[in-house]
Amino acid sequence: MSDYDPRTDTGIPTEPVGSLPRPQKLQDAYAKYDAGEISKDDLEALQDEACKDSIERSEATGQP
């Protein structure tokens, strides 16, 4: 008898591929940047924050 359990051992590792959805806060920042309400530096800081959040959430689910 094998230790393989098809309910838990899928044997098919997966990774997210493609673009991640932009959070509403970042979408709002793009609109504010386009309207001249925030600077490029402010926008880039919010982009960095959104990237960091996405990475942390991915890592929390066990993604490398």
N, C-alpha and C. Protein backbone atom coordinates (compact mmCIF):
# COMPACT_ATOMS: atom_id res chain seq x y z
N MET A 1 0.84 -1.18 0.00
CA MET A 1 0.00 0.00 0.00
C MET A 1 0.88 1.24 0.00
N SER A 2 0.57 2.18 -0.84
CA SER A 2 1.32 3.41 -0.98
C SER A 2 0.86 4.45 0.04
N ASP A 3 1.76 5.38 0.36
CA ASP A 3 1.40 6.50 1.24
C ASP A 3 0.70 7.61 0.46
N TYR A 4 0.54 7.44 -0.84
CA TYR A 4 -0.07 8.46 -1.68
C TYR A 4 -1.54 8.62 -1.35
N ASP A 5 -1.97 9.86 -1.13
CA ASP A 5 -3.37 10.16 -0.88
C ASP A 5 -3.83 11.17 -1.93
N PRO A 6 -4.65 10.77 -2.90
CA PRO A 6 -5.05 11.66 -3.98
C PRO A 6 -5.84 12.88 -3.51
N ARG A 7 -6.35 12.83 -2.29
CA ARG A 7 -7.09 13.99 -1.78
C ARG A 7 -6.17 15.12 -1.34
N THR A 8 -4.92 14.77 -0.99
CA THR A 8 -3.99 15.80 -0.50
C THR A 8 -2.71 15.90 -1.31
N ASP A 9 -2.35 14.87 -2.03
CA ASP A 9 -1.11 14.85 -2.81
C ASP A 9 -1.44 14.95 -4.29
N THR A 10 -1.59 16.17 -4.77
CA THR A 10 -2.01 16.33 -6.17
C THR A 10 -0.89 16.01 -7.14
N GLY A 11 0.36 16.25 -6.74
CA GLY A 11 1.46 15.99 -7.65
C GLY A 11 1.59 17.03 -8.75
N ILE A 12 0.77 18.05 -8.71
CA ILE A 12 0.80 19.10 -9.73
C ILE A 12 1.07 20.43 -9.03
N PRO A 13 2.34 20.82 -8.91
CA PRO A 13 2.62 22.11 -8.29
C PRO A 13 2.11 23.25 -9.17
N THR A 14 1.60 24.27 -8.55
CA THR A 14 1.08 25.41 -9.31
C THR A 14 1.67 26.71 -8.79
N GLU A 15 1.72 27.68 -9.65
CA GLU A 15 2.18 29.03 -9.31
C GLU A 15 1.27 30.01 -10.04
N PRO A 16 1.03 31.19 -9.44
CA PRO A 16 0.26 32.18 -10.16
C PRO A 16 1.06 32.70 -11.36
N VAL A 17 0.39 32.87 -12.45
CA VAL A 17 1.04 33.37 -13.67
C VAL A 17 0.20 34.52 -14.21
N GLY A 18 0.88 35.53 -14.68
CA GLY A 18 0.17 36.66 -15.27
C GLY A 18 0.11 37.84 -14.33
N SER A 19 -0.76 38.74 -14.62
CA SER A 19 -0.88 39.97 -13.85
C SER A 19 -1.75 39.76 -12.62
N LEU A 20 -1.39 40.46 -11.57
CA LEU A 20 -2.24 40.48 -10.38
C LEU A 20 -3.16 41.68 -10.48
N PRO A 21 -4.38 41.56 -9.99
CA PRO A 21 -5.28 42.71 -10.04
C PRO A 21 -4.71 43.88 -9.23
N ARG A 22 -4.90 45.07 -9.73
CA ARG A 22 -4.43 46.26 -9.01
C ARG A 22 -5.45 46.59 -7.92
N PRO A 23 -4.97 46.80 -6.68
CA PRO A 23 -5.90 47.16 -5.62
C PRO A 23 -6.55 48.52 -5.90
N GLN A 24 -7.73 48.72 -5.33
CA GLN A 24 -8.46 49.97 -5.56
C GLN A 24 -7.63 51.19 -5.18
N LYS A 25 -6.86 51.08 -4.10
CA LYS A 25 -6.03 52.21 -3.67
C LYS A 25 -5.04 52.60 -4.77
N LEU A 26 -4.49 51.62 -5.46
CA LEU A 26 -3.54 51.92 -6.54
C LEU A 26 -4.28 52.47 -7.76
N GLN A 27 -5.44 51.94 -8.07
CA GLN A 27 -6.23 52.48 -9.17
C GLN A 27 -6.58 53.95 -8.92
N ASP A 28 -6.94 54.24 -7.67
CA ASP A 28 -7.25 55.63 -7.31
C ASP A 28 -6.01 56.51 -7.45
N ALA A 29 -4.85 55.97 -7.09
CA ALA A 29 -3.61 56.73 -7.21
C ALA A 29 -3.29 57.06 -8.66
N TYR A 30 -3.53 56.11 -9.57
CA TYR A 30 -3.32 56.39 -11.00
C TYR A 30 -4.22 57.53 -11.46
N ALA A 31 -5.47 57.52 -11.02
CA ALA A 31 -6.40 58.58 -11.41
C ALA A 31 -5.93 59.93 -10.85
N LYS A 32 -5.47 59.93 -9.61
CA LYS A 32 -4.97 61.17 -9.00
C LYS A 32 -3.71 61.66 -9.71
N TYR A 33 -2.85 60.74 -10.10
CA TYR A 33 -1.64 61.12 -10.83
C TYR A 33 -2.01 61.74 -12.17
N ASP A 34 -2.93 61.09 -12.88
CA ASP A 34 -3.37 61.61 -14.18
C ASP A 34 -4.01 63.00 -14.04
N ALA A 35 -4.66 63.26 -12.91
CA ALA A 35 -5.30 64.55 -12.67
C ALA A 35 -4.33 65.59 -12.10
N GLY A 36 -3.08 65.18 -11.88
CA GLY A 36 -2.09 66.10 -11.35
C GLY A 36 -2.20 66.32 -9.85
N GLU A 37 -2.91 65.43 -9.16
CA GLU A 37 -3.13 65.60 -7.72
C GLU A 37 -2.03 65.00 -6.86
N ILE A 38 -1.26 64.05 -7.41
CA ILE A 38 -0.13 63.49 -6.67
C ILE A 38 1.08 63.46 -7.60
N SER A 39 2.25 63.41 -6.99
CA SER A 39 3.49 63.42 -7.77
C SER A 39 3.86 62.02 -8.24
N LYS A 40 4.84 61.97 -9.14
CA LYS A 40 5.34 60.68 -9.61
C LYS A 40 5.94 59.90 -8.44
N ASP A 41 6.64 60.59 -7.54
CA ASP A 41 7.21 59.92 -6.37
C ASP A 41 6.13 59.31 -5.49
N ASP A 42 5.02 60.05 -5.31
CA ASP A 42 3.90 59.51 -4.52
C ASP A 42 3.32 58.27 -5.19
N LEU A 43 3.15 58.34 -6.50
CA LEU A 43 2.61 57.20 -7.24
C LEU A 43 3.54 55.99 -7.12
N GLU A 44 4.84 56.22 -7.29
CA GLU A 44 5.79 55.11 -7.19
C GLU A 44 5.81 54.50 -5.80
N ALA A 45 5.64 55.32 -4.77
CA ALA A 45 5.58 54.79 -3.40
C ALA A 45 4.36 53.89 -3.23
N LEU A 46 3.23 54.29 -3.80
CA LEU A 46 2.02 53.48 -3.72
C LEU A 46 2.15 52.21 -4.56
N GLN A 47 2.84 52.28 -5.69
CA GLN A 47 3.10 51.08 -6.49
C GLN A 47 3.95 50.10 -5.69
N ASP A 48 5.00 50.61 -5.04
CA ASP A 48 5.86 49.75 -4.22
C ASP A 48 5.08 49.10 -3.09
N GLU A 49 4.20 49.87 -2.47
CA GLU A 49 3.37 49.35 -1.38
C GLU A 49 2.46 48.23 -1.88
N ALA A 50 1.86 48.42 -3.05
CA ALA A 50 0.97 47.40 -3.62
C ALA A 50 1.75 46.14 -3.97
N CYS A 51 2.94 46.30 -4.51
CA CYS A 51 3.78 45.13 -4.85
C CYS A 51 4.15 44.36 -3.59
N LYS A 52 4.58 45.09 -2.56
CA LYS A 52 4.96 44.45 -1.30
C LYS A 52 3.77 43.68 -0.72
N ASP A 53 2.59 44.28 -0.75
CA ASP A 53 1.40 43.62 -0.23
C ASP A 53 1.09 42.34 -1.01
N SER A 54 1.20 42.40 -2.33
CA SER A 54 0.93 41.21 -3.16
C SER A 54 1.92 40.10 -2.85
N ILE A 55 3.19 40.45 -2.69
CA ILE A 55 4.21 39.45 -2.38
C ILE A 55 3.95 38.83 -1.02
N GLU A 56 3.65 39.66 -0.03
CA GLU A 56 3.39 39.15 1.32
C GLU A 56 2.18 38.22 1.35
N ARG A 57 1.12 38.58 0.62
CA ARG A 57 -0.07 37.72 0.59
C ARG A 57 0.22 36.41 -0.13
N SER A 58 1.02 36.45 -1.18
CA SER A 58 1.40 35.22 -1.88
C SER A 58 2.23 34.32 -0.98
N GLU A 59 3.20 34.92 -0.28
CA GLU A 59 4.03 34.13 0.63
C GLU A 59 3.21 33.52 1.75
N ALA A 60 2.19 34.25 2.22
CA ALA A 60 1.34 33.74 3.30
C ALA A 60 0.56 32.49 2.88
N THR A 61 0.36 32.32 1.57
CA THR A 61 -0.35 31.13 1.09
C THR A 61 0.61 29.99 0.79
N GLY A 62 1.91 30.22 1.03
CA GLY A 62 2.89 29.17 0.79
C GLY A 62 3.60 29.26 -0.54
N GLN A 63 3.35 30.31 -1.30
CA GLN A 63 4.05 30.49 -2.58
C GLN A 63 5.49 30.89 -2.28
N PRO A 64 6.42 30.41 -3.08
CA PRO A 64 7.83 30.77 -2.85
C PRO A 64 8.12 32.21 -3.23
